[in-house]
Amino acid sequence: MANFTLSELNSLSEIIDCEKNIYYKYEEYSKIVTDPQLKDKLQRCAAAHKNQYTLLEEFIKG
């Protein structure tokens, strides 16, 4: 694990939580819509946010 201060870890944790929340919302919205183009766009947005929180989690683990 990299050396982080408690404040930095708290901040990164909050960012990860926000990214996960955004990811889950985009995923849920993509399941609701019927327009294929909008569904694709929402799924791509979800994937981008999932990638963000995954990278941050890996960064913290070092």
PDB file of N, CA and C in Angstrom:
ATOM      1  N   MET A   1       0.851  -1.192   0.000  1.00  0.00           N
ATOM      2  CA  MET A   1       0.000   0.000   0.000  1.00  0.00           C
ATOM      3  C   MET A   1       0.879   1.232   0.000  1.00  0.00           C
ATOM      4  N   ALA A   2       0.520   2.201  -0.802  1.00  0.00           N
ATOM      5  CA  ALA A   2       1.244   3.461  -0.861  1.00  0.00           C
ATOM      6  C   ALA A   2       1.053   4.222   0.446  1.00  0.00           C
ATOM      7  N   ASN A   3       1.951   5.140   0.711  1.00  0.00           N
ATOM      8  CA  ASN A   3       1.856   5.931   1.934  1.00  0.00           C
ATOM      9  C   ASN A   3       0.940   7.122   1.711  1.00  0.00           C
ATOM     10  N   PHE A   4      -0.236   7.076   2.314  1.00  0.00           N
ATOM     11  CA  PHE A   4      -1.206   8.152   2.232  1.00  0.00           C
ATOM     12  C   PHE A   4      -1.515   8.633   3.632  1.00  0.00           C
ATOM     13  N   THR A   5      -1.829   9.903   3.734  1.00  0.00           N
ATOM     14  CA  THR A   5      -2.307  10.408   5.017  1.00  0.00           C
ATOM     15  C   THR A   5      -3.761   9.983   5.174  1.00  0.00           C
ATOM     16  N   LEU A   6      -4.233  10.056   6.388  1.00  0.00           N
ATOM     17  CA  LEU A   6      -5.629   9.701   6.645  1.00  0.00           C
ATOM     18  C   LEU A   6      -6.573  10.595   5.853  1.00  0.00           C
ATOM     19  N   SER A   7      -6.223  11.859   5.756  1.00  0.00           N
ATOM     20  CA  SER A   7      -7.043  12.812   5.000  1.00  0.00           C
ATOM     21  C   SER A   7      -7.102  12.431   3.520  1.00  0.00           C
ATOM     22  N   GLU A   8      -5.968  12.036   2.970  1.00  0.00           N
ATOM     23  CA  GLU A   8      -5.929  11.631   1.567  1.00  0.00           C
ATOM     24  C   GLU A   8      -6.750  10.365   1.333  1.00  0.00           C
ATOM     25  N   LEU A   9      -6.619   9.412   2.248  1.00  0.00           N
ATOM     26  CA  LEU A   9      -7.397   8.185   2.123  1.00  0.00           C
ATOM     27  C   LEU A   9      -8.887   8.454   2.214  1.00  0.00           C
ATOM     28  N   ASN A  10      -9.281   9.346   3.106  1.00  0.00           N
ATOM     29  CA  ASN A  10     -10.691   9.708   3.224  1.00  0.00           C
ATOM     30  C   ASN A  10     -11.194  10.361   1.946  1.00  0.00           C
ATOM     31  N   SER A  11     -10.399  11.249   1.388  1.00  0.00           N
ATOM     32  CA  SER A  11     -10.783  11.930   0.148  1.00  0.00           C
ATOM     33  C   SER A  11     -10.905  10.940  -1.002  1.00  0.00           C
ATOM     34  N   LEU A  12      -9.927  10.045  -1.133  1.00  0.00           N
ATOM     35  CA  LEU A  12      -9.981   9.046  -2.195  1.00  0.00           C
ATOM     36  C   LEU A  12     -11.175   8.113  -2.003  1.00  0.00           C
ATOM     37  N   SER A  13     -11.467   7.769  -0.772  1.00  0.00           N
ATOM     38  CA  SER A  13     -12.616   6.916  -0.485  1.00  0.00           C
ATOM     39  C   SER A  13     -13.925   7.595  -0.896  1.00  0.00           C
ATOM     40  N   GLU A  14     -14.032   8.880  -0.631  1.00  0.00           N
ATOM     41  CA  GLU A  14     -15.227   9.627  -1.031  1.00  0.00           C
ATOM     42  C   GLU A  14     -15.360   9.669  -2.544  1.00  0.00           C
ATOM     43  N   ILE A  15     -14.248   9.870  -3.234  1.00  0.00           N
ATOM     44  CA  ILE A  15     -14.269   9.906  -4.698  1.00  0.00           C
ATOM     45  C   ILE A  15     -14.685   8.552  -5.252  1.00  0.00           C
ATOM     46  N   ILE A  16     -14.138   7.479  -4.678  1.00  0.00           N
ATOM     47  CA  ILE A  16     -14.495   6.127  -5.123  1.00  0.00           C
ATOM     48  C   ILE A  16     -15.981   5.880  -4.910  1.00  0.00           C
ATOM     49  N   ASP A  17     -16.494   6.273  -3.753  1.00  0.00           N
ATOM     50  CA  ASP A  17     -17.923   6.107  -3.482  1.00  0.00           C
ATOM     51  C   ASP A  17     -18.775   6.867  -4.491  1.00  0.00           C
ATOM     52  N   CYS A  18     -18.370   8.071  -4.827  1.00  0.00           N
ATOM     53  CA  CYS A  18     -19.108   8.867  -5.825  1.00  0.00           C
ATOM     54  C   CYS A  18     -19.060   8.198  -7.193  1.00  0.00           C
ATOM     55  N   GLU A  19     -17.888   7.724  -7.592  1.00  0.00           N
ATOM     56  CA  GLU A  19     -17.754   7.053  -8.890  1.00  0.00           C
ATOM     57  C   GLU A  19     -18.615   5.796  -8.945  1.00  0.00           C
ATOM     58  N   LYS A  20     -18.646   5.027  -7.854  1.00  0.00           N
ATOM     59  CA  LYS A  20     -19.481   3.829  -7.817  1.00  0.00           C
ATOM     60  C   LYS A  20     -20.954   4.195  -7.927  1.00  0.00           C
ATOM     61  N   ASN A  21     -21.349   5.230  -7.219  1.00  0.00           N
ATOM     62  CA  ASN A  21     -22.741   5.680  -7.255  1.00  0.00           C
ATOM     63  C   ASN A  21     -23.135   6.097  -8.667  1.00  0.00           C
ATOM     64  N   ILE A  22     -22.288   6.848  -9.326  1.00  0.00           N
ATOM     65  CA  ILE A  22     -22.561   7.278 -10.702  1.00  0.00           C
ATOM     66  C   ILE A  22     -22.635   6.068 -11.625  1.00  0.00           C
ATOM     67  N   TYR A  23     -21.708   5.130 -11.450  1.00  0.00           N
ATOM     68  CA  TYR A  23     -21.697   3.916 -12.260  1.00  0.00           C
ATOM     69  C   TYR A  23     -23.029   3.175 -12.119  1.00  0.00           C
ATOM     70  N   TYR A  24     -23.457   2.946 -10.872  1.00  0.00           N
ATOM     71  CA  TYR A  24     -24.704   2.206 -10.647  1.00  0.00           C
ATOM     72  C   TYR A  24     -25.911   2.937 -11.232  1.00  0.00           C
ATOM     73  N   LYS A  25     -25.932   4.255 -11.150  1.00  0.00           N
ATOM     74  CA  LYS A  25     -27.049   5.015 -11.718  1.00  0.00           C
ATOM     75  C   LYS A  25     -27.099   4.868 -13.234  1.00  0.00           C
ATOM     76  N   TYR A  26     -25.943   5.011 -13.895  1.00  0.00           N
ATOM     77  CA  TYR A  26     -25.915   4.850 -15.351  1.00  0.00           C
ATOM     78  C   TYR A  26     -26.335   3.440 -15.752  1.00  0.00           C
ATOM     79  N   GLU A  27     -25.881   2.447 -14.995  1.00  0.00           N
ATOM     80  CA  GLU A  27     -26.273   1.065 -15.277  1.00  0.00           C
ATOM     81  C   GLU A  27     -27.786   0.893 -15.161  1.00  0.00           C
ATOM     82  N   GLU A  28     -28.372   1.406 -14.101  1.00  0.00           N
ATOM     83  CA  GLU A  28     -29.817   1.286 -13.903  1.00  0.00           C
ATOM     84  C   GLU A  28     -30.579   2.030 -14.997  1.00  0.00           C
ATOM     85  N   TYR A  29     -30.135   3.227 -15.343  1.00  0.00           N
ATOM     86  CA  TYR A  29     -30.805   3.990 -16.396  1.00  0.00           C
ATOM     87  C   TYR A  29     -30.720   3.253 -17.724  1.00  0.00           C
ATOM     88  N   SER A  30     -29.572   2.616 -17.992  1.00  0.00           N
ATOM     89  CA  SER A  30     -29.432   1.905 -19.266  1.00  0.00           C
ATOM     90  C   SER A  30     -30.383   0.715 -19.358  1.00  0.00           C
ATOM     91  N   LYS A  31     -30.783   0.156 -18.217  1.00  0.00           N
ATOM     92  CA  LYS A  31     -31.726  -0.963 -18.216  1.00  0.00           C
ATOM     93  C   LYS A  31     -33.158  -0.493 -18.453  1.00  0.00           C
ATOM     94  N   ILE A  32     -33.429   0.766 -18.171  1.00  0.00           N
ATOM     95  CA  ILE A  32     -34.783   1.303 -18.256  1.00  0.00           C
ATOM     96  C   ILE A  32     -35.116   1.793 -19.672  1.00  0.00           C
ATOM     97  N   VAL A  33     -34.152   2.449 -20.305  1.00  0.00           N
ATOM     98  CA  VAL A  33     -34.438   3.095 -21.588  1.00  0.00           C
ATOM     99  C   VAL A  33     -34.651   2.064 -22.696  1.00  0.00           C
ATOM    100  N   THR A  34     -35.400   2.472 -23.697  1.00  0.00           N
ATOM    101  CA  THR A  34     -35.661   1.589 -24.839  1.00  0.00           C
ATOM    102  C   THR A  34     -34.909   2.028 -26.097  1.00  0.00           C
ATOM    103  N   ASP A  35     -34.485   3.269 -26.135  1.00  0.00           N
ATOM    104  CA  ASP A  35     -33.740   3.780 -27.292  1.00  0.00           C
ATOM    105  C   ASP A  35     -32.347   3.132 -27.312  1.00  0.00           C
ATOM    106  N   PRO A  36     -32.011   2.418 -28.391  1.00  0.00           N
ATOM    107  CA  PRO A  36     -30.729   1.708 -28.437  1.00  0.00           C
ATOM    108  C   PRO A  36     -29.508   2.630 -28.375  1.00  0.00           C
ATOM    109  N   GLN A  37     -29.608   3.794 -28.998  1.00  0.00           N
ATOM    110  CA  GLN A  37     -28.482   4.727 -28.965  1.00  0.00           C
ATOM    111  C   GLN A  37     -28.263   5.280 -27.561  1.00  0.00           C
ATOM    112  N   LEU A  38     -29.340   5.621 -26.895  1.00  0.00           N
ATOM    113  CA  LEU A  38     -29.235   6.128 -25.531  1.00  0.00           C
ATOM    114  C   LEU A  38     -28.735   5.031 -24.600  1.00  0.00           C
ATOM    115  N   LYS A  39     -29.221   3.814 -24.781  1.00  0.00           N
ATOM    116  CA  LYS A  39     -28.784   2.679 -23.974  1.00  0.00           C
ATOM    117  C   LYS A  39     -27.274   2.480 -24.120  1.00  0.00           C
ATOM    118  N   ASP A  40     -26.790   2.531 -25.343  1.00  0.00           N
ATOM    119  CA  ASP A  40     -25.363   2.373 -25.605  1.00  0.00           C
ATOM    120  C   ASP A  40     -24.559   3.482 -24.937  1.00  0.00           C
ATOM    121  N   LYS A  41     -25.024   4.703 -25.068  1.00  0.00           N
ATOM    122  CA  LYS A  41     -24.342   5.846 -24.463  1.00  0.00           C
ATOM    123  C   LYS A  41     -24.266   5.707 -22.939  1.00  0.00           C
ATOM    124  N   LEU A  42     -25.372   5.314 -22.330  1.00  0.00           N
ATOM    125  CA  LEU A  42     -25.415   5.143 -20.878  1.00  0.00           C
ATOM    126  C   LEU A  42     -24.484   4.009 -20.435  1.00  0.00           C
ATOM    127  N   GLN A  43     -24.442   2.943 -21.197  1.00  0.00           N
ATOM    128  CA  GLN A  43     -23.558   1.830 -20.864  1.00  0.00           C
ATOM    129  C   GLN A  43     -22.090   2.229 -20.989  1.00  0.00           C
ATOM    130  N   ARG A  44     -21.769   3.053 -21.988  1.00  0.00           N
ATOM    131  CA  ARG A  44     -20.393   3.529 -22.128  1.00  0.00           C
ATOM    132  C   ARG A  44     -20.015   4.463 -20.986  1.00  0.00           C
ATOM    133  N   CYS A  45     -20.948   5.306 -20.572  1.00  0.00           N
ATOM    134  CA  CYS A  45     -20.695   6.193 -19.421  1.00  0.00           C
ATOM    135  C   CYS A  45     -20.491   5.364 -18.153  1.00  0.00           C
ATOM    136  N   ALA A  46     -21.304   4.347 -17.972  1.00  0.00           N
ATOM    137  CA  ALA A  46     -21.170   3.470 -16.808  1.00  0.00           C
ATOM    138  C   ALA A  46     -19.800   2.796 -16.809  1.00  0.00           C
ATOM    139  N   ALA A  47     -19.392   2.307 -17.952  1.00  0.00           N
ATOM    140  CA  ALA A  47     -18.092   1.640 -18.056  1.00  0.00           C
ATOM    141  C   ALA A  47     -16.945   2.586 -17.725  1.00  0.00           C
ATOM    142  N   ALA A  48     -17.056   3.829 -18.156  1.00  0.00           N
ATOM    143  CA  ALA A  48     -16.008   4.817 -17.864  1.00  0.00           C
ATOM    144  C   ALA A  48     -15.899   5.064 -16.362  1.00  0.00           C
ATOM    145  N   HIS A  49     -17.024   5.173 -15.682  1.00  0.00           N
ATOM    146  CA  HIS A  49     -17.005   5.418 -14.241  1.00  0.00           C
ATOM    147  C   HIS A  49     -16.548   4.174 -13.470  1.00  0.00           C
ATOM    148  N   LYS A  50     -16.908   3.007 -13.968  1.00  0.00           N
ATOM    149  CA  LYS A  50     -16.427   1.779 -13.332  1.00  0.00           C
ATOM    150  C   LYS A  50     -14.912   1.700 -13.457  1.00  0.00           C
ATOM    151  N   ASN A  51     -14.403   2.060 -14.613  1.00  0.00           N
ATOM    152  CA  ASN A  51     -12.960   2.072 -14.831  1.00  0.00           C
ATOM    153  C   ASN A  51     -12.284   3.051 -13.863  1.00  0.00           C
ATOM    154  N   GLN A  52     -12.894   4.207 -13.655  1.00  0.00           N
ATOM    155  CA  GLN A  52     -12.325   5.206 -12.750  1.00  0.00           C
ATOM    156  C   GLN A  52     -12.212   4.660 -11.337  1.00  0.00           C
ATOM    157  N   TYR A  53     -13.290   4.094 -10.798  1.00  0.00           N
ATOM    158  CA  TYR A  53     -13.205   3.644  -9.413  1.00  0.00           C
ATOM    159  C   TYR A  53     -12.320   2.405  -9.279  1.00  0.00           C
ATOM    160  N   THR A  54     -12.259   1.585 -10.311  1.00  0.00           N
ATOM    161  CA  THR A  54     -11.367   0.429 -10.266  1.00  0.00           C
ATOM    162  C   THR A  54      -9.910   0.875 -10.235  1.00  0.00           C
ATOM    163  N   LEU A  55      -9.570   1.847 -11.066  1.00  0.00           N
ATOM    164  CA  LEU A  55      -8.206   2.370 -11.079  1.00  0.00           C
ATOM    165  C   LEU A  55      -7.839   3.008  -9.743  1.00  0.00           C
ATOM    166  N   LEU A  56      -8.763   3.757  -9.156  1.00  0.00           N
ATOM    167  CA  LEU A  56      -8.498   4.377  -7.868  1.00  0.00           C
ATOM    168  C   LEU A  56      -8.309   3.332  -6.771  1.00  0.00           C
ATOM    169  N   GLU A  57      -9.109   2.295  -6.783  1.00  0.00           N
ATOM    170  CA  GLU A  57      -8.973   1.235  -5.786  1.00  0.00           C
ATOM    171  C   GLU A  57      -7.621   0.545  -5.925  1.00  0.00           C
ATOM    172  N   GLU A  58      -7.202   0.290  -7.152  1.00  0.00           N
ATOM    173  CA  GLU A  58      -5.893  -0.333  -7.391  1.00  0.00           C
ATOM    174  C   GLU A  58      -4.763   0.602  -6.970  1.00  0.00           C
ATOM    175  N   PHE A  59      -4.941   1.889  -7.199  1.00  0.00           N
ATOM    176  CA  PHE A  59      -3.943   2.875  -6.824  1.00  0.00           C
ATOM    177  C   PHE A  59      -3.733   2.893  -5.313  1.00  0.00           C
ATOM    178  N   ILE A  60      -4.829   2.812  -4.572  1.00  0.00           N
ATOM    179  CA  ILE A  60      -4.742   2.828  -3.107  1.00  0.00           C
ATOM    180  C   ILE A  60      -4.047   1.566  -2.602  1.00  0.00           C
ATOM    181  N   LYS A  61      -4.372   0.437  -3.215  1.00  0.00           N
ATOM    182  CA  LYS A  61      -3.763  -0.832  -2.772  1.00  0.00           C
ATOM    183  C   LYS A  61      -2.275  -0.870  -3.061  1.00  0.00           C
ATOM    184  N   GLY A  62      -1.855  -0.082  -4.046  1.00  0.00           N
ATOM    185  CA  GLY A  62      -0.441   0.046  -4.356  1.00  0.00           C
ATOM    186  C   GLY A  62       0.052  -1.061  -5.199  1.00  0.00           C
TER     187      GLY A  62
END
